[in-house]
Amino acid sequence: MTRRLTAGLAVAALLALAAFDLATAELDPYGAPPLFALGSGQGSGGAHCAALPE
């Protein structure tokens, strides 16, 4: 019974997190960066390897 309770609580927590994320997120697929920006001229950002010397 303990495994079922723990698994049920874990699944409920994941569903609650997904519902919260969907309810609070602004979905704008046209303002999102491209998934693959190969040759687009846009630099990557957000990582230490993105800060290359000029």
N, C-alpha and C. Protein backbone atom coordinates (compact mmCIF):
# COMPACT_ATOMS: atom_id res chain seq x y z
N MET A 1 0.82 -1.20 0.00
CA MET A 1 0.00 0.00 0.00
C MET A 1 0.86 1.26 0.00
N THR A 2 2.05 1.19 0.59
CA THR A 2 2.91 2.36 0.66
C THR A 2 3.42 2.76 -0.72
N ARG A 3 3.76 1.77 -1.54
CA ARG A 3 4.24 2.08 -2.89
C ARG A 3 3.16 2.74 -3.72
N ARG A 4 1.94 2.24 -3.62
CA ARG A 4 0.84 2.84 -4.39
C ARG A 4 0.58 4.27 -3.94
N LEU A 5 0.64 4.50 -2.64
CA LEU A 5 0.42 5.84 -2.11
C LEU A 5 1.53 6.78 -2.58
N THR A 6 2.77 6.34 -2.48
CA THR A 6 3.90 7.17 -2.90
C THR A 6 3.86 7.43 -4.40
N ALA A 7 3.57 6.41 -5.18
CA ALA A 7 3.50 6.60 -6.63
C ALA A 7 2.33 7.51 -7.00
N GLY A 8 1.21 7.36 -6.33
CA GLY A 8 0.06 8.23 -6.59
C GLY A 8 0.35 9.68 -6.25
N LEU A 9 1.03 9.89 -5.11
CA LEU A 9 1.40 11.25 -4.74
C LEU A 9 2.40 11.86 -5.72
N ALA A 10 3.35 11.06 -6.20
CA ALA A 10 4.33 11.55 -7.16
C ALA A 10 3.66 11.92 -8.48
N VAL A 11 2.76 11.08 -8.96
CA VAL A 11 2.04 11.38 -10.21
C VAL A 11 1.15 12.60 -10.04
N ALA A 12 0.49 12.70 -8.90
CA ALA A 12 -0.36 13.87 -8.64
C ALA A 12 0.46 15.15 -8.58
N ALA A 13 1.65 15.08 -7.98
CA ALA A 13 2.52 16.25 -7.91
C ALA A 13 3.00 16.65 -9.30
N LEU A 14 3.34 15.69 -10.15
CA LEU A 14 3.77 16.01 -11.51
C LEU A 14 2.63 16.61 -12.33
N LEU A 15 1.44 16.07 -12.17
CA LEU A 15 0.29 16.62 -12.89
C LEU A 15 -0.04 18.03 -12.40
N ALA A 16 0.08 18.25 -11.09
CA ALA A 16 -0.17 19.59 -10.55
C ALA A 16 0.87 20.58 -11.06
N LEU A 17 2.12 20.16 -11.14
CA LEU A 17 3.18 21.02 -11.66
C LEU A 17 2.94 21.35 -13.13
N ALA A 18 2.55 20.36 -13.92
CA ALA A 18 2.26 20.59 -15.34
C ALA A 18 1.07 21.52 -15.51
N ALA A 19 0.03 21.34 -14.70
CA ALA A 19 -1.15 22.21 -14.78
C ALA A 19 -0.79 23.64 -14.39
N PHE A 20 0.02 23.80 -13.35
CA PHE A 20 0.46 25.14 -12.93
C PHE A 20 1.28 25.80 -14.03
N ASP A 21 2.17 25.03 -14.66
CA ASP A 21 3.01 25.58 -15.72
C ASP A 21 2.17 26.01 -16.91
N LEU A 22 1.21 25.19 -17.30
CA LEU A 22 0.36 25.54 -18.43
C LEU A 22 -0.53 26.75 -18.13
N ALA A 23 -0.95 26.87 -16.88
CA ALA A 23 -1.85 27.97 -16.51
C ALA A 23 -1.11 29.29 -16.41
N THR A 24 0.18 29.29 -16.12
CA THR A 24 0.91 30.53 -15.91
C THR A 24 1.85 30.91 -17.05
N ALA A 25 2.06 30.04 -18.01
CA ALA A 25 3.02 30.31 -19.08
C ALA A 25 2.36 31.10 -20.20
N GLU A 26 3.14 32.03 -20.75
CA GLU A 26 2.70 32.74 -21.95
C GLU A 26 3.26 31.98 -23.15
N LEU A 27 2.39 31.38 -23.91
CA LEU A 27 2.83 30.62 -25.07
C LEU A 27 2.86 31.52 -26.29
N ASP A 28 4.03 31.71 -26.85
CA ASP A 28 4.20 32.53 -28.04
C ASP A 28 5.20 31.83 -28.95
N PRO A 29 4.74 30.91 -29.78
CA PRO A 29 5.70 30.17 -30.61
C PRO A 29 6.40 31.05 -31.64
N TYR A 30 5.84 32.21 -31.97
CA TYR A 30 6.47 33.07 -32.96
C TYR A 30 7.57 33.93 -32.36
N GLY A 31 7.57 34.10 -31.03
CA GLY A 31 8.61 34.87 -30.38
C GLY A 31 9.72 34.00 -29.81
N ALA A 32 9.59 32.70 -29.94
CA ALA A 32 10.59 31.78 -29.40
C ALA A 32 11.81 31.73 -30.32
N PRO A 33 12.97 31.49 -29.75
CA PRO A 33 14.16 31.34 -30.59
C PRO A 33 14.08 30.06 -31.41
N PRO A 34 14.75 30.01 -32.53
CA PRO A 34 14.70 28.79 -33.35
C PRO A 34 15.35 27.62 -32.62
N LEU A 35 14.84 26.44 -32.88
CA LEU A 35 15.37 25.24 -32.23
C LEU A 35 16.79 24.97 -32.70
N PHE A 36 17.01 25.05 -34.00
CA PHE A 36 18.34 24.90 -34.57
C PHE A 36 18.64 26.18 -35.34
N ALA A 37 19.65 26.92 -34.91
CA ALA A 37 19.99 28.19 -35.54
C ALA A 37 21.29 28.06 -36.32
N LEU A 38 21.43 26.98 -37.05
CA LEU A 38 22.66 26.76 -37.80
C LEU A 38 22.73 27.71 -38.99
N GLY A 39 23.70 28.59 -38.97
CA GLY A 39 23.90 29.51 -40.08
C GLY A 39 22.92 30.66 -40.11
N SER A 40 22.18 30.90 -39.03
CA SER A 40 21.20 31.98 -39.04
C SER A 40 21.82 33.31 -38.65
N GLY A 41 23.04 33.31 -38.13
CA GLY A 41 23.66 34.54 -37.69
C GLY A 41 23.35 34.87 -36.24
N GLN A 42 22.44 34.14 -35.62
CA GLN A 42 22.13 34.39 -34.22
C GLN A 42 23.12 33.64 -33.34
N GLY A 43 23.64 34.34 -32.35
CA GLY A 43 24.57 33.71 -31.43
C GLY A 43 23.83 32.96 -30.35
N SER A 44 24.46 31.94 -29.84
CA SER A 44 23.86 31.22 -28.72
C SER A 44 24.02 32.06 -27.47
N GLY A 45 23.18 31.81 -26.50
CA GLY A 45 23.25 32.58 -25.27
C GLY A 45 22.89 31.74 -24.07
N GLY A 46 23.32 32.19 -22.91
CA GLY A 46 22.93 31.53 -21.68
C GLY A 46 23.93 30.53 -21.15
N ALA A 47 25.05 30.38 -21.78
CA ALA A 47 26.05 29.43 -21.30
C ALA A 47 27.42 30.09 -21.33
N HIS A 48 28.35 29.52 -20.59
CA HIS A 48 29.68 30.12 -20.55
C HIS A 48 30.38 30.02 -21.90
N CYS A 49 30.02 29.05 -22.70
CA CYS A 49 30.68 28.91 -24.00
C CYS A 49 30.12 29.93 -25.01
N ALA A 50 29.06 30.63 -24.65
CA ALA A 50 28.49 31.64 -25.54
C ALA A 50 29.24 32.95 -25.43
N ALA A 51 30.05 33.12 -24.39
CA ALA A 51 30.78 34.36 -24.16
C ALA A 51 32.19 34.25 -24.71
N LEU A 52 32.30 34.01 -26.01
CA LEU A 52 33.61 33.88 -26.64
C LEU A 52 34.22 35.25 -26.82
N PRO A 53 35.56 35.34 -26.78
CA PRO A 53 36.19 36.64 -27.00
C PRO A 53 35.99 37.11 -28.44
N GLU A 54 35.93 38.40 -28.59
CA GLU A 54 35.68 38.94 -29.94
C GLU A 54 36.97 39.24 -30.67
